Amino acid sequence: MGQDTIYILGGDQTDFAVNASRQGEGLFELLQQAVQGALHHAGVEAREVQAGHIGNFVGELFTGQGQLGGMFAAIDPAFYGMPAGRHEAACASGSIAALAATAEIQAQRYDCVLVAGVELERNVPGAVAARHLGAATWVGQEAQDVRYAWPHMFHLVGQEYERRYGLKYEHLGRIAEINLTNARRNPKAQTRSWSYSPRSFTADDEANPVIEGMIRRQDCGQVTDGAAAVVLASERFAAQWAARHGRSLDSIPRIAGWGHRTAHLKLDVKLQASAQQPYVFPHVRDTIQDAFRRAGIQDVFELDGIETHDCFTTTEYMAIDHFGITPPGQSWQAIEDGTIAMGGRLPINASGGLIGLGHPVGATGVRMLLDAMRQVSGQAADCQIEGARRCATLNIGGSATTVVSFVVEC
């Protein structure tokens, strides 16, 4: 493979249905559970980990707590003195933490690096949580005079699709239905036991009330407490680990490609910049193509599955055509013909995604890597995509301001 290859030895996530503060828990306890679970799953001792990275968006606003890198040493004495740090890029914080870890391994600074993401969001009323999460807009310059900033912002994304290409709510409703149905099979999904009627996925104001604009209740990702962690390794460490565990190096999931782009903070600037282009967010398309190029992928259907950012159904609608599954503006085709459903040609969010599984903001990018790893190694249990050997992720921070994509294969 070569010294640039990054291996994923294992990982874990907390139960996203848990309301941590009601159990007397906070950021540390969530982080501790995910890290300890990841080390156990990977079969790695804490003393073998050489560096740590944490993705977290707004720990200070929800809890008053910063300096999260110092929590590693409280999890295990072997982490005392280990270099560590916290990364913030809104909903892409976890992926930025993962990128930093991969860069350290490729620079040959370290051979075994722990990546975690964590967020506590359910310890305050919903309106307060929405205000805290609005910190990823350009505060004071956009999303003014609206109750919920992010539903409004991604209503505007849907509105842009509607203006350019046409958009039917039935297609957004079907995205929500697919992801919430997938979540029922996931034992750690926030919505796994929630109940819906067929009307819940329609433009029915009673069963699916409007939140902002075209965004209705079931179109929204969840407000979630949770953490996720993965153990990344160089080829040298992975080869030693494989020998120790009686496995071949080829059987270990690896990061085959990555992409990372950052655009203007304001949504209207991004939409104006793309006004004469086929893609609503050209830099998102470029991010995905960067990951594909590094992974040697020529066609999106060389993938077996995708874990994409569905903070709202309009976000996933955008991801479908930006991945190249359909021509620009024609995402509805892949929804109508079943391409993105389980059993389809290219399932999206077999885990349930942000809408079904949950969205602890700083943990989401790490959780996506974890689920991609599970898929390609046949460890996804009831969420397994049959025969999956190559999966991609797309993690978005803000109004597609920070964008990260990984390709994971085995």
Protein backbone atom coordinates (compact mmCIF):
# COMPACT_ATOMS: atom_id res chain seq x y z
CA MET A 1 0.00 0.00 0.00
CA GLY A 2 2.72 2.50 0.93
CA GLN A 3 3.51 4.79 3.82
CA ASP A 4 0.62 7.15 2.99
CA THR A 5 -2.01 4.48 3.67
CA ILE A 6 -4.07 5.05 6.81
CA TYR A 7 -5.70 2.05 8.45
CA ILE A 8 -8.76 2.05 10.72
CA LEU A 9 -8.18 -0.57 13.41
CA GLY A 10 -11.51 -0.16 15.17
CA GLY A 11 -13.95 2.24 16.76
CA ASP A 12 -17.11 2.75 18.74
CA GLN A 13 -19.94 5.19 19.41
CA THR A 14 -22.25 5.88 22.31
CA ASP A 15 -25.98 5.22 22.21
CA PHE A 16 -27.32 8.34 20.49
CA ALA A 17 -30.75 7.89 22.10
CA VAL A 18 -29.34 8.69 25.55
CA ASN A 19 -30.04 12.06 27.13
CA ALA A 20 -26.73 12.38 28.96
CA SER A 21 -27.59 15.19 31.36
CA ARG A 22 -30.64 13.29 32.62
CA GLN A 23 -28.26 10.52 33.62
CA GLY A 24 -25.92 12.94 35.34
CA GLU A 25 -23.39 12.70 32.54
CA GLY A 26 -21.64 15.27 30.39
CA LEU A 27 -18.97 15.71 27.73
CA PHE A 28 -16.38 13.71 29.63
CA GLU A 29 -18.56 10.68 30.25
CA LEU A 30 -19.64 10.54 26.60
CA LEU A 31 -16.05 10.87 25.44
CA GLN A 32 -14.87 8.25 27.91
CA GLN A 33 -17.43 5.70 26.73
CA ALA A 34 -16.54 6.15 23.06
CA VAL A 35 -12.78 6.08 23.61
CA GLN A 36 -12.82 3.04 25.86
CA GLY A 37 -15.14 1.27 23.43
CA ALA A 38 -12.90 2.13 20.48
CA LEU A 39 -9.76 0.84 22.21
CA HIS A 40 -11.55 -2.38 23.15
CA HIS A 41 -12.94 -2.91 19.66
CA ALA A 42 -9.56 -2.18 18.07
CA GLY A 43 -7.65 -4.40 20.48
CA VAL A 44 -5.24 -1.55 21.22
CA GLU A 45 -3.88 -0.55 24.63
CA ALA A 46 -4.01 3.10 25.66
CA ARG A 47 -0.22 3.10 26.05
CA GLU A 48 0.12 2.30 22.31
CA VAL A 49 -1.72 5.47 21.25
CA GLN A 50 0.75 8.25 20.47
CA ALA A 51 -1.55 11.25 19.84
CA GLY A 52 -5.20 12.23 20.15
CA HIS A 53 -7.62 14.56 18.35
CA ILE A 54 -11.12 15.63 19.38
CA GLY A 55 -13.81 17.17 17.21
CA ASN A 56 -16.20 19.46 19.08
CA PHE A 57 -18.22 22.45 17.91
CA VAL A 58 -19.74 24.37 20.81
CA GLY A 59 -18.73 22.76 24.09
CA GLU A 60 -18.24 26.19 25.62
CA LEU A 61 -21.77 27.33 24.77
CA PHE A 62 -23.61 24.22 25.93
CA THR A 63 -21.44 23.45 28.97
CA GLY A 64 -18.94 26.27 29.49
CA GLN A 65 -16.16 23.73 28.91
CA GLY A 66 -13.21 24.12 26.56
CA GLN A 67 -9.71 22.56 26.43
CA LEU A 68 -11.15 19.14 25.70
CA GLY A 69 -7.81 17.61 24.75
CA GLY A 70 -7.02 17.46 28.45
CA MET A 71 -9.84 14.98 28.99
CA PHE A 72 -7.88 12.12 27.39
CA ALA A 73 -5.57 11.93 30.41
CA ALA A 74 -8.59 11.57 32.68
CA ILE A 75 -9.81 8.59 30.66
CA ASP A 76 -6.65 6.53 31.11
CA PRO A 77 -3.40 7.33 32.97
CA ALA A 78 -1.47 6.06 29.93
CA PHE A 79 -2.70 9.13 28.02
CA TYR A 80 -1.02 11.51 30.48
CA GLY A 81 1.41 13.66 28.49
CA MET A 82 0.11 12.44 25.12
CA PRO A 83 -0.11 15.27 22.57
CA ALA A 84 -3.77 16.09 21.93
CA GLY A 85 -6.02 18.89 20.75
CA ARG A 86 -9.55 19.95 19.90
CA HIS A 87 -10.76 20.90 16.40
CA GLU A 88 -13.74 23.07 15.46
CA ALA A 89 -15.40 23.36 12.06
CA ALA A 90 -19.10 23.29 13.00
CA CYS A 91 -20.69 19.99 11.89
CA ALA A 92 -17.45 18.99 10.15
CA SER A 93 -15.39 19.21 13.35
CA GLY A 94 -14.98 15.43 13.60
CA SER A 95 -13.75 15.11 10.03
CA ILE A 96 -11.24 17.93 10.53
CA ALA A 97 -9.94 16.07 13.60
CA ALA A 98 -9.60 12.95 11.45
CA LEU A 99 -7.77 14.87 8.72
CA ALA A 100 -5.30 16.21 11.28
CA ALA A 101 -4.66 12.68 12.54
CA THR A 102 -4.11 11.28 9.04
CA ALA A 103 -1.69 14.11 8.26
CA GLU A 104 0.34 13.30 11.38
CA ILE A 105 0.55 9.65 10.42
CA GLN A 106 1.52 10.44 6.83
CA ALA A 107 4.17 12.86 8.10
CA GLN A 108 5.52 9.92 10.13
CA ARG A 109 5.20 11.79 13.40
CA TYR A 110 3.09 9.03 14.93
CA ASP A 111 2.01 5.50 14.04
CA CYS A 112 -1.15 5.14 16.13
CA VAL A 113 -3.56 8.05 16.64
CA LEU A 114 -6.92 8.24 18.38
CA VAL A 115 -9.67 10.40 16.84
CA ALA A 116 -12.81 11.22 18.80
CA GLY A 117 -15.77 13.55 18.45
CA VAL A 118 -18.25 14.60 21.11
CA GLU A 119 -21.17 16.95 21.64
CA LEU A 120 -23.66 17.56 24.44
CA GLU A 121 -26.77 19.32 23.11
CA ARG A 122 -29.83 18.16 25.05
CA ASN A 123 -28.98 19.80 28.38
CA VAL A 124 -30.74 23.06 27.40
CA PRO A 125 -34.18 23.92 25.95
CA GLY A 126 -34.56 23.44 22.20
CA ALA A 127 -34.69 27.14 21.39
CA VAL A 128 -31.45 27.71 23.31
CA ALA A 129 -29.79 24.78 21.55
CA ALA A 130 -30.84 26.21 18.18
CA ARG A 131 -29.32 29.57 19.11
CA HIS A 132 -26.03 27.95 20.18
CA LEU A 133 -25.84 25.92 16.96
CA GLY A 134 -26.46 29.09 14.98
CA ALA A 135 -22.87 30.07 15.77
CA ALA A 136 -21.89 28.45 12.46
CA THR A 137 -23.81 31.07 10.48
CA TRP A 138 -22.27 34.51 10.02
CA VAL A 139 -23.73 35.77 13.26
CA GLY A 140 -25.48 39.10 12.93
CA GLN A 141 -25.42 39.01 9.12
CA GLU A 142 -27.65 36.08 8.14
CA ALA A 143 -30.58 34.07 9.51
CA GLN A 144 -31.87 37.20 11.21
CA ASP A 145 -35.50 37.42 12.35
CA VAL A 146 -36.06 33.65 12.10
CA ARG A 147 -36.74 31.32 15.00
CA TYR A 148 -34.53 28.44 13.87
CA ALA A 149 -31.41 29.42 11.96
CA TRP A 150 -30.44 26.12 10.38
CA PRO A 151 -33.84 24.96 9.16
CA HIS A 152 -34.13 28.40 7.57
CA MET A 153 -30.69 28.18 5.94
CA PHE A 154 -31.34 24.77 4.42
CA HIS A 155 -34.80 25.88 3.35
CA LEU A 156 -32.89 28.44 1.29
CA VAL A 157 -30.82 25.62 -0.24
CA GLY A 158 -34.02 23.82 -1.19
CA GLN A 159 -35.43 27.08 -2.51
CA GLU A 160 -32.37 27.44 -4.74
CA TYR A 161 -32.96 23.95 -6.17
CA GLU A 162 -36.60 24.83 -6.66
CA ARG A 163 -35.67 28.00 -8.52
CA ARG A 164 -33.03 26.38 -10.74
CA TYR A 165 -34.46 22.93 -11.40
CA GLY A 166 -37.79 22.48 -9.66
CA LEU A 167 -38.27 20.54 -6.41
CA LYS A 168 -41.18 18.46 -5.09
CA TYR A 169 -41.70 17.96 -1.38
CA GLU A 170 -42.54 14.30 -1.93
CA HIS A 171 -38.88 13.66 -2.75
CA LEU A 172 -37.68 15.30 0.46
CA GLY A 173 -40.24 13.29 2.41
CA ARG A 174 -38.97 10.07 0.86
CA ILE A 175 -35.39 10.87 1.94
CA ALA A 176 -36.63 11.27 5.51
CA GLU A 177 -38.60 8.04 5.29
CA ILE A 178 -35.61 6.06 4.01
CA ASN A 179 -33.27 7.34 6.71
CA LEU A 180 -35.73 6.87 9.56
CA THR A 181 -36.52 3.37 8.30
CA ASN A 182 -32.82 2.52 8.15
CA ALA A 183 -32.40 3.79 11.72
CA ARG A 184 -34.84 1.17 13.00
CA ARG A 185 -32.17 -1.45 12.28
CA ASN A 186 -29.44 0.45 14.12
CA PRO A 187 -29.21 -0.45 17.84
CA LYS A 188 -27.57 2.90 18.66
CA ALA A 189 -29.87 5.18 16.64
CA GLN A 190 -31.69 7.97 18.42
CA THR A 191 -34.97 7.34 16.58
CA ARG A 192 -34.90 3.52 16.48
CA SER A 193 -38.09 3.18 18.52
CA TRP A 194 -39.94 6.28 17.27
CA SER A 195 -43.27 5.79 15.50
CA TYR A 196 -44.52 7.38 12.30
CA SER A 197 -47.53 7.17 10.04
CA PRO A 198 -47.47 7.43 6.23
CA ARG A 199 -48.63 11.03 6.63
CA SER A 200 -45.46 11.81 8.60
CA PHE A 201 -43.53 12.03 5.33
CA THR A 202 -45.95 14.24 3.45
CA ALA A 203 -46.72 17.96 3.43
CA ASP A 204 -49.32 17.38 6.14
CA ASP A 205 -49.25 20.29 8.58
CA GLU A 206 -50.51 18.14 11.44
CA ALA A 207 -48.42 14.98 11.00
CA ASN A 208 -45.36 16.82 9.66
CA PRO A 209 -45.56 20.47 10.74
CA VAL A 210 -43.56 23.26 9.11
CA ILE A 211 -40.42 24.35 10.97
CA GLU A 212 -39.06 26.97 8.55
CA GLY A 213 -40.11 27.44 4.93
CA MET A 214 -40.17 24.08 3.13
CA ILE A 215 -38.42 22.35 6.05
CA ARG A 216 -40.80 20.23 8.10
CA ARG A 217 -40.29 18.19 11.28
CA GLN A 218 -39.17 14.97 9.60
CA ASP A 219 -36.77 16.88 7.34
CA CYS A 220 -34.57 17.75 10.32
CA GLY A 221 -31.52 15.99 11.74
CA GLN A 222 -31.74 15.33 15.45
CA VAL A 223 -30.46 17.31 18.43
CA THR A 224 -28.28 14.63 20.01
CA ASP A 225 -25.90 13.85 22.85
CA GLY A 226 -23.14 11.50 21.78
CA ALA A 227 -19.57 10.63 21.00
CA ALA A 228 -17.67 8.44 18.54
CA ALA A 229 -14.04 7.38 18.27
CA VAL A 230 -11.77 5.50 15.86
CA VAL A 231 -8.17 4.28 16.09
CA LEU A 232 -6.06 5.14 13.04
CA ALA A 233 -2.68 3.60 12.24
CA SER A 234 0.22 3.71 9.80
CA GLU A 235 1.00 0.70 7.63
CA ARG A 236 3.92 -0.18 9.90
CA PHE A 237 1.77 -0.23 13.03
CA ALA A 238 -1.14 -1.91 11.22
CA ALA A 239 1.14 -4.70 9.95
CA GLN A 240 2.39 -5.38 13.49
CA TRP A 241 -1.18 -5.21 14.80
CA ALA A 242 -2.40 -7.62 12.10
CA ALA A 243 0.32 -10.14 12.94
CA ARG A 244 -0.56 -9.89 16.62
CA HIS A 245 -4.23 -10.54 15.90
CA GLY A 246 -3.68 -13.26 13.30
CA ARG A 247 -5.01 -11.18 10.43
CA SER A 248 -3.73 -10.11 7.04
CA LEU A 249 -3.01 -6.45 6.34
CA ASP A 250 -5.42 -6.54 3.40
CA SER A 251 -8.30 -7.39 5.74
CA ILE A 252 -8.01 -4.10 7.63
CA PRO A 253 -10.20 -1.16 6.48
CA ARG A 254 -8.21 1.79 5.19
CA ILE A 255 -8.75 5.40 4.14
CA ALA A 256 -8.16 5.33 0.39
CA GLY A 257 -8.96 8.95 -0.42
CA TRP A 258 -9.94 12.28 1.07
CA GLY A 259 -11.09 15.74 0.00
CA HIS A 260 -11.36 19.00 1.95
CA ARG A 261 -12.55 22.42 0.79
CA THR A 262 -13.66 25.56 2.63
CA ALA A 263 -15.88 28.26 1.14
CA HIS A 264 -17.23 31.64 2.26
CA LEU A 265 -19.06 31.63 5.59
CA LYS A 266 -22.21 33.25 4.18
CA LEU A 267 -24.69 31.14 2.24
CA ASP A 268 -25.81 33.88 -0.15
CA VAL A 269 -22.21 34.47 -1.26
CA LYS A 270 -21.84 30.78 -2.09
CA LEU A 271 -25.10 30.70 -4.02
CA GLN A 272 -24.19 33.84 -5.96
CA ALA A 273 -20.79 32.34 -6.84
CA SER A 274 -22.45 29.26 -8.37
CA ALA A 275 -25.27 31.08 -10.14
CA GLN A 276 -24.00 30.29 -13.65
CA GLN A 277 -22.74 26.79 -12.85
CA PRO A 278 -24.55 23.44 -12.94
CA TYR A 279 -23.85 22.54 -9.31
CA VAL A 280 -25.36 24.55 -6.47
CA PHE A 281 -22.12 24.09 -4.49
CA PRO A 282 -19.21 23.48 -6.92
CA HIS A 283 -16.73 23.22 -4.05
CA VAL A 284 -18.72 20.30 -2.62
CA ARG A 285 -18.47 18.55 -5.98
CA ASP A 286 -14.72 19.33 -6.03
CA THR A 287 -14.28 17.90 -2.52
CA ILE A 288 -15.90 14.62 -3.55
CA GLN A 289 -13.90 14.44 -6.76
CA ASP A 290 -10.68 15.06 -4.82
CA ALA A 291 -11.49 12.07 -2.61
CA PHE A 292 -12.38 9.96 -5.66
CA ARG A 293 -9.17 10.91 -7.47
CA ARG A 294 -7.01 9.97 -4.50
CA ALA A 295 -8.89 6.67 -4.17
CA GLY A 296 -8.62 5.91 -7.88
CA ILE A 297 -12.39 6.05 -8.40
CA GLN A 298 -13.61 6.92 -11.88
CA ASP A 299 -17.34 6.51 -11.33
CA VAL A 300 -19.54 6.95 -8.26
CA PHE A 301 -21.03 3.50 -8.78
CA GLU A 302 -17.66 2.00 -7.91
CA LEU A 303 -18.85 2.74 -4.36
CA ASP A 304 -21.06 0.30 -2.47
CA GLY A 305 -22.51 2.83 -0.04
CA ILE A 306 -22.41 6.44 1.14
CA GLU A 307 -22.71 8.04 4.58
CA THR A 308 -23.67 11.61 3.82
CA HIS A 309 -24.58 14.71 5.76
CA ASP A 310 -28.36 14.95 6.04
CA CYS A 311 -28.73 17.66 8.65
CA PHE A 312 -31.84 18.33 6.57
CA THR A 313 -33.38 16.45 3.67
CA THR A 314 -32.38 19.28 1.34
CA THR A 315 -28.73 18.64 2.28
CA GLU A 316 -28.97 15.01 1.18
CA TYR A 317 -30.90 16.04 -1.92
CA MET A 318 -27.91 18.23 -2.77
CA ALA A 319 -25.41 15.44 -1.99
CA ILE A 320 -27.07 13.02 -4.42
CA ASP A 321 -26.32 15.03 -7.54
CA HIS A 322 -23.00 16.38 -6.20
CA PHE A 323 -21.77 12.79 -5.81
CA GLY A 324 -22.64 12.31 -9.48
CA ILE A 325 -25.40 9.76 -8.87
CA THR A 326 -27.62 11.88 -11.13
CA PRO A 327 -27.00 14.90 -13.36
CA PRO A 328 -27.14 18.27 -11.57
CA GLY A 329 -30.63 19.11 -10.37
CA GLN A 330 -31.97 15.62 -11.02
CA SER A 331 -31.52 14.07 -7.57
CA TRP A 332 -35.20 13.10 -7.60
CA GLN A 333 -34.40 10.35 -10.11
CA ALA A 334 -32.29 8.39 -7.59
CA ILE A 335 -35.03 8.79 -5.00
CA GLU A 336 -37.85 7.65 -7.26
CA ASP A 337 -36.02 4.63 -8.74
CA GLY A 338 -34.81 3.34 -5.36
CA THR A 339 -31.09 3.83 -6.03
CA ILE A 340 -30.41 5.28 -2.57
CA ALA A 341 -32.58 2.90 -0.53
CA MET A 342 -31.29 -0.26 1.15
CA GLY A 343 -31.10 -2.89 -1.58
CA GLY A 344 -30.73 -0.18 -4.22
CA ARG A 345 -27.79 0.35 -6.53
CA LEU A 346 -26.06 2.77 -4.11
CA PRO A 347 -27.61 2.95 -0.62
CA ILE A 348 -27.21 6.20 1.27
CA ASN A 349 -27.16 6.40 5.07
CA ALA A 350 -27.68 2.73 5.86
CA SER A 351 -26.95 3.81 9.46
CA GLY A 352 -29.96 6.13 9.51
CA GLY A 353 -27.87 9.26 8.95
CA LEU A 354 -28.26 12.44 10.95
CA ILE A 355 -32.04 12.32 10.61
CA GLY A 356 -32.38 8.75 11.89
CA LEU A 357 -29.20 7.87 13.80
CA GLY A 358 -28.67 11.33 15.32
CA HIS A 359 -26.34 14.30 15.04
CA PRO A 360 -24.05 15.08 17.99
CA VAL A 361 -22.37 17.76 15.91
CA GLY A 362 -18.69 17.32 16.81
CA ALA A 363 -18.96 13.53 16.62
CA THR A 364 -20.71 13.18 13.27
CA GLY A 365 -17.65 13.14 11.01
CA VAL A 366 -15.98 10.48 13.19
CA ARG A 367 -19.20 8.47 13.32
CA MET A 368 -19.37 8.50 9.52
CA LEU A 369 -15.83 7.08 9.31
CA LEU A 370 -16.81 4.45 11.86
CA ASP A 371 -19.88 3.40 9.89
CA ALA A 372 -17.92 3.31 6.63
CA MET A 373 -15.36 1.08 8.36
CA ARG A 374 -18.11 -1.20 9.63
CA GLN A 375 -19.64 -1.52 6.19
CA VAL A 376 -16.48 -2.41 4.29
CA SER A 377 -15.40 -4.93 6.94
CA GLY A 378 -18.80 -6.62 7.18
CA GLN A 379 -19.39 -5.45 10.76
CA ALA A 380 -22.55 -3.38 10.20
CA ALA A 381 -24.92 -6.15 11.39
CA ASP A 382 -28.54 -5.34 10.50
CA CYS A 383 -27.40 -2.16 8.72
CA GLN A 384 -25.02 -4.09 6.44
CA ILE A 385 -24.98 -3.33 2.72
CA GLU A 386 -24.48 -6.71 1.10
CA GLY A 387 -20.98 -7.16 -0.28
CA ALA A 388 -19.81 -3.64 0.62
CA ARG A 389 -16.09 -3.12 0.11
CA ARG A 390 -15.86 0.61 -0.63
CA CYS A 391 -17.85 3.45 0.97
CA ALA A 392 -17.62 7.24 0.96
CA THR A 393 -18.51 9.90 3.47
CA LEU A 394 -19.53 13.54 3.03
CA ASN A 395 -19.46 15.75 6.11
CA ILE A 396 -20.55 19.40 5.91
CA GLY A 397 -20.00 22.23 8.39
CA GLY A 398 -22.27 25.27 8.31
CA SER A 399 -24.05 26.11 5.06
CA ALA A 400 -21.55 23.93 3.15
CA THR A 401 -18.75 26.17 4.40
CA THR A 402 -16.39 23.38 5.50
CA VAL A 403 -16.66 20.19 3.43
CA VAL A 404 -14.80 16.90 3.97
CA SER A 405 -15.12 13.59 2.14
CA PHE A 406 -13.40 10.26 2.79
CA VAL A 407 -13.33 7.01 0.84
CA VAL A 408 -12.90 3.89 2.99
CA GLU A 409 -12.20 0.48 1.50
CA CYS A 410 -11.18 -3.00 2.46
